Amino acid sequence: MQHKEKQAVKERLDQELKDFHFTGCEKVLQKTHTKSFVDKLSSFWNKEIEVPVLPIVVAATLILSTISLKDDLKNNEITTTQAEREIIQIAGYTYWKDDYERAVKLHENKSEN
């Protein structure tokens, strides 16, 4: 019984598709069986590539977070260095002690010359 149904469907499909003819056979053969180097190169560059999204997103996230952490560590080192510096007040102005001493030495050297 099932065989008869399949046969009936096949006959109906053949009857409906009898007016359709594939005319691009030469183009398909030319694309699939290339002859010259240019055709081979063209078919090579014409391939579709599937790129998995999840590994790329994970890799990009890891790279960006590593860069961000590096920057945070550098900023943390700078702030700890600044925290170790001493602030002094002279004549109502506030200075870093090492900057003030450097400026005083520079001024003394200029006045000696």
Protein backbone atom coordinates (compact mmCIF):
# COMPACT_ATOMS: atom_id res chain seq x y z
CA MET A 1 0.00 0.00 0.00
CA GLN A 2 2.76 2.43 0.92
CA HIS A 3 4.63 1.64 -2.29
CA LYS A 4 1.58 2.59 -4.35
CA GLU A 5 1.33 5.96 -2.54
CA LYS A 6 5.00 6.71 -3.19
CA GLN A 7 4.60 5.77 -6.85
CA ALA A 8 1.55 8.03 -7.16
CA VAL A 9 3.38 10.97 -5.56
CA LYS A 10 6.40 10.42 -7.85
CA GLU A 11 4.22 10.33 -10.97
CA ARG A 12 2.40 13.50 -9.93
CA LEU A 13 5.71 15.28 -9.18
CA ASP A 14 7.16 14.19 -12.54
CA GLN A 15 4.04 15.46 -14.28
CA GLU A 16 4.20 18.86 -12.52
CA LEU A 17 7.92 19.31 -13.20
CA LYS A 18 7.97 18.18 -16.84
CA ASP A 19 7.92 21.81 -18.05
CA PHE A 20 10.99 22.79 -16.02
CA HIS A 21 14.41 22.15 -17.55
CA PHE A 22 17.78 22.97 -16.01
CA THR A 23 19.76 25.05 -18.50
CA GLY A 24 22.72 26.12 -16.34
CA CYS A 25 24.55 22.80 -16.56
CA GLU A 26 27.56 24.29 -18.38
CA LYS A 27 27.99 27.07 -15.84
CA VAL A 28 27.86 24.63 -12.93
CA LEU A 29 30.39 22.33 -14.56
CA GLN A 30 32.65 25.28 -15.30
CA LYS A 31 32.53 26.42 -11.65
CA THR A 32 33.03 22.96 -10.16
CA HIS A 33 35.64 21.65 -12.61
CA THR A 34 37.90 24.62 -13.25
CA LYS A 35 40.58 24.43 -15.90
CA SER A 36 42.90 27.44 -15.72
CA PHE A 37 44.89 28.82 -12.80
CA VAL A 38 42.69 31.93 -12.69
CA ASP A 39 39.58 29.75 -12.51
CA LYS A 40 41.14 27.63 -9.76
CA LEU A 41 42.09 30.76 -7.83
CA SER A 42 38.59 32.17 -8.31
CA SER A 43 36.98 28.99 -6.99
CA PHE A 44 39.39 28.97 -4.03
CA TRP A 45 38.46 32.54 -3.03
CA ASN A 46 34.78 31.79 -3.62
CA LYS A 47 34.51 29.31 -0.72
CA GLU A 48 32.29 30.03 2.23
CA ILE A 49 33.85 29.95 5.68
CA GLU A 50 31.93 29.25 8.86
CA VAL A 51 33.28 31.07 11.88
CA PRO A 52 32.09 29.96 15.32
CA VAL A 53 30.98 33.00 17.29
CA LEU A 54 31.37 31.75 20.86
CA PRO A 55 35.16 31.10 20.80
CA ILE A 56 35.79 34.47 19.16
CA VAL A 57 33.69 36.30 21.76
CA VAL A 58 35.44 34.46 24.62
CA ALA A 59 38.90 35.22 23.18
CA ALA A 60 38.05 38.89 22.66
CA THR A 61 36.68 39.14 26.20
CA LEU A 62 39.82 37.57 27.66
CA ILE A 63 42.10 39.88 25.67
CA LEU A 64 40.16 43.01 26.61
CA SER A 65 39.96 42.07 30.28
CA THR A 66 43.70 41.35 30.35
CA ILE A 67 44.46 44.76 28.85
CA SER A 68 42.08 46.40 31.31
CA LEU A 69 43.69 44.63 34.27
CA LYS A 70 47.16 45.70 33.10
CA ASP A 71 46.03 49.32 32.96
CA ASP A 72 44.47 49.03 36.41
CA LEU A 73 47.70 47.62 37.83
CA LYS A 74 49.72 50.46 36.30
CA ASN A 75 47.28 53.02 37.72
CA ASN A 76 47.47 51.33 41.12
CA GLU A 77 51.29 51.57 41.08
CA ILE A 78 51.08 55.28 40.29
CA THR A 79 48.66 55.94 43.12
CA THR A 80 50.78 54.01 45.62
CA THR A 81 53.82 56.00 44.53
CA GLN A 82 51.89 59.24 45.02
CA ALA A 83 50.64 58.03 48.40
CA GLU A 84 54.24 57.65 49.56
CA ARG A 85 55.06 61.27 48.62
CA GLU A 86 54.98 63.90 51.32
CA ILE A 87 52.98 67.13 51.05
CA ILE A 88 54.42 70.31 52.58
CA GLN A 89 53.04 73.83 52.97
CA ILE A 90 55.25 76.87 52.51
CA ALA A 91 53.97 80.46 52.57
CA GLY A 92 50.37 79.28 52.28
CA TYR A 93 51.07 77.13 49.18
CA THR A 94 50.98 73.33 49.07
CA TYR A 95 53.78 71.40 47.32
CA TRP A 96 55.04 67.86 46.94
CA LYS A 97 58.21 67.75 49.01
CA ASP A 98 60.36 66.19 46.27
CA ASP A 99 59.11 68.70 43.66
CA TYR A 100 59.82 71.61 46.03
CA GLU A 101 63.34 70.37 46.81
CA ARG A 102 64.06 69.92 43.11
CA ALA A 103 62.84 73.46 42.36
CA VAL A 104 64.92 74.91 45.23
CA LYS A 105 68.08 73.13 44.00
CA LEU A 106 67.46 74.36 40.46
CA HIS A 107 66.99 77.91 41.71
CA GLU A 108 70.16 77.71 43.87
CA ASN A 109 72.17 76.40 40.90
CA LYS A 110 70.95 79.30 38.75
CA SER A 111 71.81 81.90 41.37
CA GLU A 112 75.34 80.42 41.85
CA ASN A 113 76.07 80.74 38.13
